[in-house]
Structure formats: structure tokens, C-alpha cells
N, C-alpha and C. Protein backbone atom coordinates (compact mmCIF):
# COMPACT_ATOMS: atom_id res chain seq x y z
N MET A 1 227.32 38.74 35.00
CA MET A 1 226.80 39.83 34.49
C MET A 1 225.61 39.54 33.58
N ALA A 2 224.59 40.23 33.62
CA ALA A 2 223.46 40.18 32.68
C ALA A 2 223.81 40.41 31.22
N SER A 3 223.26 39.61 30.35
CA SER A 3 223.49 39.78 28.92
C SER A 3 222.34 40.61 28.34
N THR A 4 221.31 40.76 29.01
CA THR A 4 220.11 41.46 28.51
C THR A 4 219.68 42.59 29.49
N ARG A 5 219.71 43.79 29.10
CA ARG A 5 219.22 44.88 30.00
C ARG A 5 217.80 45.15 29.54
N VAL A 6 216.86 45.01 30.44
CA VAL A 6 215.44 45.26 30.07
C VAL A 6 214.91 46.62 30.75
N LEU A 7 214.50 47.46 30.01
CA LEU A 7 213.89 48.71 30.46
C LEU A 7 212.38 48.58 30.63
N LEU A 8 211.99 48.82 31.95
CA LEU A 8 210.48 48.91 32.00
C LEU A 8 210.02 50.30 32.15
N THR A 9 208.92 50.61 31.38
CA THR A 9 208.53 51.94 31.29
C THR A 9 206.96 52.00 30.93
N SER A 10 206.30 52.91 31.36
CA SER A 10 204.83 53.14 31.04
C SER A 10 204.05 51.85 31.28
N MET A 11 204.26 51.38 32.40
CA MET A 11 203.42 50.12 32.78
C MET A 11 202.63 50.32 34.06
N PRO A 12 201.44 49.79 34.08
CA PRO A 12 200.66 49.86 35.36
C PRO A 12 201.46 49.17 36.43
N ARG A 13 201.34 49.70 37.70
CA ARG A 13 202.16 49.18 38.84
C ARG A 13 202.10 47.65 39.01
N MET A 14 200.86 47.07 38.99
CA MET A 14 200.68 45.67 39.26
C MET A 14 201.28 44.90 38.13
N LEU A 15 201.23 45.31 36.84
CA LEU A 15 201.83 44.56 35.79
C LEU A 15 203.39 44.70 35.85
N ARG A 16 203.84 45.85 36.19
CA ARG A 16 205.35 46.10 36.35
C ARG A 16 205.88 45.17 37.48
N ASP A 17 205.07 45.08 38.59
CA ASP A 17 205.64 44.24 39.70
C ASP A 17 205.72 42.76 39.30
N ILE A 18 204.67 42.37 38.58
CA ILE A 18 204.60 40.90 38.03
C ILE A 18 205.82 40.63 37.12
N VAL A 19 206.14 41.59 36.22
CA VAL A 19 207.15 41.48 35.30
C VAL A 19 208.52 41.49 35.91
N ILE A 20 208.66 42.32 36.92
CA ILE A 20 209.94 42.46 37.66
C ILE A 20 210.19 41.12 38.32
N HIS A 21 209.13 40.64 39.07
CA HIS A 21 209.29 39.38 39.69
C HIS A 21 209.61 38.14 38.76
N LEU A 22 209.01 38.21 37.59
CA LEU A 22 209.25 37.19 36.62
C LEU A 22 210.69 37.29 36.07
N LEU A 23 211.13 38.39 35.69
CA LEU A 23 212.51 38.60 35.06
C LEU A 23 213.58 38.36 36.04
N ALA A 24 213.25 38.53 37.39
CA ALA A 24 214.34 38.41 38.32
C ALA A 24 214.79 37.01 38.47
N SER A 25 214.04 36.03 37.98
CA SER A 25 214.48 34.62 38.01
C SER A 25 215.49 34.22 36.99
N ASP A 26 215.79 35.23 36.08
CA ASP A 26 216.73 34.87 35.11
C ASP A 26 218.06 35.65 35.33
N PRO A 27 219.17 35.00 35.66
CA PRO A 27 220.38 35.65 35.85
C PRO A 27 220.94 36.35 34.69
N GLU A 28 220.45 36.14 33.52
CA GLU A 28 221.00 36.78 32.29
C GLU A 28 220.23 38.02 31.98
N VAL A 29 219.27 38.40 32.80
CA VAL A 29 218.40 39.51 32.55
C VAL A 29 218.63 40.52 33.71
N GLU A 30 218.87 41.79 33.36
CA GLU A 30 218.94 42.89 34.33
C GLU A 30 217.76 43.83 34.03
N VAL A 31 216.98 44.07 35.00
CA VAL A 31 215.73 44.92 34.83
C VAL A 31 216.17 46.31 35.31
N VAL A 32 215.86 47.34 34.52
CA VAL A 32 216.11 48.73 34.83
C VAL A 32 214.78 49.41 34.69
N GLU A 33 214.41 50.42 35.51
CA GLU A 33 213.23 50.95 35.39
C GLU A 33 213.41 52.47 34.83
N GLY A 34 212.58 52.87 33.88
CA GLY A 34 212.76 54.17 33.24
C GLY A 34 211.93 55.18 34.01
N GLU A 35 212.40 56.44 33.90
CA GLU A 35 211.72 57.56 34.48
C GLU A 35 210.58 57.91 33.65
N SER A 36 209.55 58.58 34.21
CA SER A 36 208.36 58.97 33.39
C SER A 36 208.52 60.15 32.63
N GLY A 37 209.58 60.96 32.90
CA GLY A 37 209.85 62.26 32.23
C GLY A 37 210.44 62.16 30.90
N PRO A 38 211.68 61.54 30.72
CA PRO A 38 212.36 61.67 29.49
C PRO A 38 211.64 60.95 28.30
N SER A 39 212.06 61.21 27.10
CA SER A 39 211.55 60.52 26.02
C SER A 39 212.01 59.08 26.06
N LEU A 40 211.41 58.19 25.27
CA LEU A 40 211.81 56.78 25.27
C LEU A 40 213.24 56.66 24.73
N GLU A 41 213.60 57.45 23.71
CA GLU A 41 215.05 57.30 23.31
C GLU A 41 216.08 57.81 24.38
N THR A 42 215.63 58.72 25.14
CA THR A 42 216.54 59.20 26.25
C THR A 42 216.61 58.11 27.33
N ALA A 43 215.57 57.52 27.65
CA ALA A 43 215.45 56.51 28.71
C ALA A 43 216.26 55.28 28.21
N VAL A 44 216.27 54.93 26.98
CA VAL A 44 217.13 53.81 26.38
C VAL A 44 218.61 54.29 26.50
N ALA A 45 218.83 55.48 26.14
CA ALA A 45 220.37 55.84 26.20
C ALA A 45 220.81 55.81 27.64
N ARG A 46 219.99 56.29 28.60
CA ARG A 46 220.48 56.33 29.98
C ARG A 46 220.62 54.88 30.55
N SER A 47 219.84 54.06 30.21
CA SER A 47 219.67 52.62 30.75
C SER A 47 220.70 51.72 30.07
N GLY A 48 220.94 51.95 28.76
CA GLY A 48 221.78 50.90 27.99
C GLY A 48 220.93 49.71 27.69
N ALA A 49 219.65 49.79 27.69
CA ALA A 49 218.81 48.67 27.57
C ALA A 49 218.72 48.15 26.02
N SER A 50 218.65 46.82 25.87
CA SER A 50 218.51 46.31 24.58
C SER A 50 217.09 45.85 24.34
N VAL A 51 216.22 45.79 25.32
CA VAL A 51 214.79 45.43 25.27
C VAL A 51 214.10 46.55 26.12
N VAL A 52 212.97 46.89 25.66
CA VAL A 52 212.08 47.77 26.39
C VAL A 52 210.78 47.09 26.53
N LEU A 53 210.31 47.01 27.66
CA LEU A 53 209.02 46.48 27.99
C LEU A 53 207.99 47.51 28.47
N LEU A 54 206.88 47.83 27.78
CA LEU A 54 206.04 48.74 28.10
C LEU A 54 204.58 48.35 27.91
N SER A 55 203.73 49.11 28.44
CA SER A 55 202.30 48.75 28.29
C SER A 55 201.68 49.51 27.16
N GLY A 56 200.79 48.92 26.44
CA GLY A 56 200.14 49.58 25.35
C GLY A 56 199.11 48.68 24.69
N THR A 57 198.64 49.13 23.53
CA THR A 57 197.63 48.46 22.77
C THR A 57 198.20 47.34 21.98
N GLY A 58 199.56 47.35 21.78
CA GLY A 58 200.16 46.39 20.93
C GLY A 58 200.63 47.10 19.61
N GLU A 59 200.09 48.18 19.30
CA GLU A 59 200.48 48.98 18.14
C GLU A 59 201.80 49.71 18.50
N LEU A 60 202.53 50.09 17.44
CA LEU A 60 203.74 50.80 17.64
C LEU A 60 203.45 52.38 17.66
N SER A 61 203.81 53.03 18.71
CA SER A 61 203.59 54.48 18.81
C SER A 61 204.64 55.24 18.05
N PRO A 62 204.53 56.41 17.68
CA PRO A 62 205.55 57.23 17.14
C PRO A 62 206.86 57.24 17.92
N ALA A 63 206.67 57.37 19.25
CA ALA A 63 207.86 57.36 20.16
C ALA A 63 208.55 56.04 20.10
N GLY A 64 207.88 55.01 19.88
CA GLY A 64 208.39 53.68 19.78
C GLY A 64 209.21 53.53 18.43
N MET A 65 208.62 54.02 17.36
CA MET A 65 209.31 53.99 16.05
C MET A 65 210.54 54.90 16.11
N LEU A 66 210.45 56.00 16.75
CA LEU A 66 211.72 56.87 16.78
C LEU A 66 212.79 56.10 17.58
N ALA A 67 212.40 55.46 18.71
CA ALA A 67 213.41 54.75 19.43
C ALA A 67 214.04 53.62 18.64
N LEU A 68 213.24 52.89 17.85
CA LEU A 68 213.78 51.84 16.94
C LEU A 68 214.67 52.36 15.89
N TYR A 69 214.27 53.59 15.33
CA TYR A 69 215.29 54.12 14.39
C TYR A 69 216.57 54.62 14.98
N THR A 70 216.47 55.20 16.18
CA THR A 70 217.63 55.59 16.84
C THR A 70 218.53 54.56 17.37
N TYR A 71 217.86 53.45 17.79
CA TYR A 71 218.69 52.29 18.23
C TYR A 71 218.23 51.03 17.45
N PRO A 72 218.75 50.79 16.39
CA PRO A 72 218.31 49.80 15.39
C PRO A 72 218.35 48.28 15.93
N ARG A 73 219.12 48.06 16.99
CA ARG A 73 219.06 46.65 17.68
C ARG A 73 218.09 46.57 18.85
N LEU A 74 217.46 47.62 19.14
CA LEU A 74 216.48 47.65 20.18
C LEU A 74 215.25 46.83 19.80
N ARG A 75 214.75 46.20 20.82
CA ARG A 75 213.45 45.54 20.67
C ARG A 75 212.48 46.04 21.62
N LEU A 76 211.19 46.18 21.19
CA LEU A 76 210.18 46.69 22.08
C LEU A 76 209.19 45.54 22.29
N VAL A 77 208.76 45.33 23.55
CA VAL A 77 207.84 44.25 23.86
C VAL A 77 206.63 45.08 24.49
N VAL A 78 205.57 45.17 23.72
CA VAL A 78 204.35 45.95 24.24
C VAL A 78 203.36 44.99 24.64
N VAL A 79 203.09 45.09 25.94
CA VAL A 79 202.13 44.19 26.73
C VAL A 79 200.86 45.03 26.99
N ARG A 80 199.61 44.41 26.67
CA ARG A 80 198.40 45.10 26.97
C ARG A 80 198.29 45.27 28.49
N PRO A 81 197.71 46.26 28.95
CA PRO A 81 197.61 46.64 30.43
C PRO A 81 197.00 45.43 31.19
N ASP A 82 196.11 44.63 30.54
CA ASP A 82 195.53 43.54 31.22
C ASP A 82 196.34 42.26 31.25
N GLY A 83 197.51 42.36 30.52
CA GLY A 83 198.46 41.23 30.51
C GLY A 83 198.03 40.04 29.56
N ARG A 84 196.94 40.19 28.82
CA ARG A 84 196.38 39.08 28.04
C ARG A 84 197.03 39.01 26.58
N ALA A 85 197.73 40.00 26.20
CA ALA A 85 198.34 39.99 24.89
C ALA A 85 199.69 40.83 24.83
N ALA A 86 200.57 40.50 23.90
CA ALA A 86 201.73 41.32 23.81
C ALA A 86 202.30 41.15 22.31
N ALA A 87 203.01 42.10 21.94
CA ALA A 87 203.66 42.12 20.61
C ALA A 87 205.11 42.57 20.79
N ILE A 88 205.92 41.98 19.91
CA ILE A 88 207.36 42.33 19.84
C ILE A 88 207.60 43.20 18.64
N TRP A 89 208.23 44.23 18.72
CA TRP A 89 208.58 45.16 17.63
C TRP A 89 210.08 45.30 17.50
N ARG A 90 210.59 45.41 16.26
CA ARG A 90 211.92 45.70 15.94
C ARG A 90 211.97 46.60 14.70
N LEU A 91 213.11 47.05 14.29
CA LEU A 91 213.14 48.08 13.28
C LEU A 91 212.67 47.65 11.98
N ARG A 92 212.60 46.50 11.55
CA ARG A 92 212.24 45.98 10.22
C ARG A 92 211.12 46.84 9.59
N PRO A 93 210.22 47.40 10.07
CA PRO A 93 209.52 47.09 11.30
C PRO A 93 208.66 45.82 11.12
N MET A 94 208.53 45.10 12.26
CA MET A 94 207.86 43.85 12.25
C MET A 94 207.21 43.71 13.59
N ARG A 95 206.05 43.11 13.46
CA ARG A 95 205.32 42.80 14.69
C ARG A 95 205.17 41.30 14.84
N VAL A 96 205.47 40.73 15.96
CA VAL A 96 205.32 39.29 16.23
C VAL A 96 204.33 39.20 17.40
N ASP A 97 203.17 38.63 17.25
CA ASP A 97 202.38 38.45 18.31
C ASP A 97 202.77 37.31 19.30
N VAL A 98 202.64 37.64 20.59
CA VAL A 98 202.98 36.56 21.58
C VAL A 98 201.61 35.83 21.83
N ALA A 99 201.59 34.57 21.46
CA ALA A 99 200.28 33.86 21.46
C ALA A 99 199.76 33.59 22.91
N ASP A 100 200.62 33.22 23.74
CA ASP A 100 200.27 32.84 25.15
C ASP A 100 200.99 33.72 26.10
N VAL A 101 200.34 34.61 26.70
CA VAL A 101 200.97 35.55 27.68
C VAL A 101 201.05 35.03 29.07
N SER A 102 201.62 33.79 29.13
CA SER A 102 201.79 33.20 30.40
C SER A 102 203.16 33.73 30.95
N PRO A 103 203.54 33.56 32.13
CA PRO A 103 204.76 33.97 32.68
C PRO A 103 205.93 33.34 31.97
N ALA A 104 205.91 32.03 31.68
CA ALA A 104 206.89 31.33 30.91
C ALA A 104 207.05 31.89 29.48
N GLU A 105 205.96 32.10 28.82
CA GLU A 105 206.02 32.64 27.50
C GLU A 105 206.65 34.08 27.42
N LEU A 106 206.23 34.94 28.35
CA LEU A 106 206.72 36.26 28.35
C LEU A 106 208.15 36.25 28.66
N LEU A 107 208.67 35.46 29.63
CA LEU A 107 210.03 35.28 29.85
C LEU A 107 210.86 34.80 28.67
N ASP A 108 210.29 33.79 27.97
CA ASP A 108 210.91 33.30 26.68
C ASP A 108 211.08 34.43 25.61
N ALA A 109 209.98 35.32 25.63
CA ALA A 109 209.97 36.32 24.57
C ALA A 109 211.03 37.33 24.89
N VAL A 110 211.19 37.76 26.17
CA VAL A 110 212.20 38.66 26.55
C VAL A 110 213.65 38.08 26.30
N ARG A 111 213.76 36.81 26.66
CA ARG A 111 215.06 36.24 26.38
C ARG A 111 215.40 36.22 24.88
N SER A 112 214.52 35.89 24.12
CA SER A 112 214.81 35.68 22.65
C SER A 112 214.98 37.17 22.02
N VAL A 113 214.28 38.12 22.37
CA VAL A 113 214.58 39.40 21.71
C VAL A 113 215.75 40.07 22.40
N GLY A 114 216.03 39.80 23.62
CA GLY A 114 217.19 40.24 24.25
C GLY A 114 218.55 39.71 23.62
N ARG A 115 218.49 38.69 22.99
CA ARG A 115 219.63 38.11 22.33
C ARG A 115 219.58 38.36 20.73
N PHE A 116 218.65 39.33 20.41
CA PHE A 116 218.50 39.74 19.07
C PHE A 116 218.17 38.61 18.17
N GLY A 117 217.30 37.67 18.69
CA GLY A 117 216.86 36.47 17.86
C GLY A 117 215.71 36.93 17.04
N GLU A 118 215.07 36.01 16.40
CA GLU A 118 214.07 36.09 15.47
C GLU A 118 212.65 36.05 16.16
N ALA A 119 212.50 36.09 17.38
CA ALA A 119 211.30 35.82 18.12
C ALA A 119 210.09 36.37 17.46
């Protein structure tokens, strides 16, 4: 059974396909896809995710902040649409830049935030 449920939402199709392929290699990660309709907190509640991967500028949106307040153990990994940069958000609030957005580094980031580490 996977120890980390990762919700994918608001991502360009090509980036989503790459992330799904990447995360599928880890037996401790279960990828679930969010619907486009519900709010982020509703999607987290429905999926039981501990990590949300989404596309954005790297800044925390109001919806992201609300989701973090609603689910204090949740981690958000915001990846730029071009896949060249990412940031990890948690309730503190705190942003940690992901220096190298290679497949291995992105997988390490998801693993560490999924286990509620200090990534």
C-alpha cells in the first residue's frame, strides 16, 4: 500500500503525463488525479492526498493557502508549466525552492514532502 497519496491538479497535460510516469516508478506513491470543478480543499478531501502537485508560478494562491489551513499536514508542490522550477509549500507558511527540476530531484521532493519531512 502506498504511503504517500499525491493529487495532481491544474497541470498542463504534457507535464501531468511526465509526472505520472515519474511517480509511477515509486511503489510508496499513489497518484490520484483531481477534477477541475471542485475547490482544492474539496479535491484534497475526496482524494485523501497528503501532497498536491499543481502547475503555477511558484507563488502560493489563496486557494492553496486555504487548503493548507484546512489540512495542516498537506504539502503543495507548485511546478512551473515549463517544468524548469518548483516550490514546496506547507502551512508554516514556508517556501522551499527545488533547485534542480530533474526527474530524480522532483521524485525526491515528492517523497520527502509526502513523509512530512523538512524538504
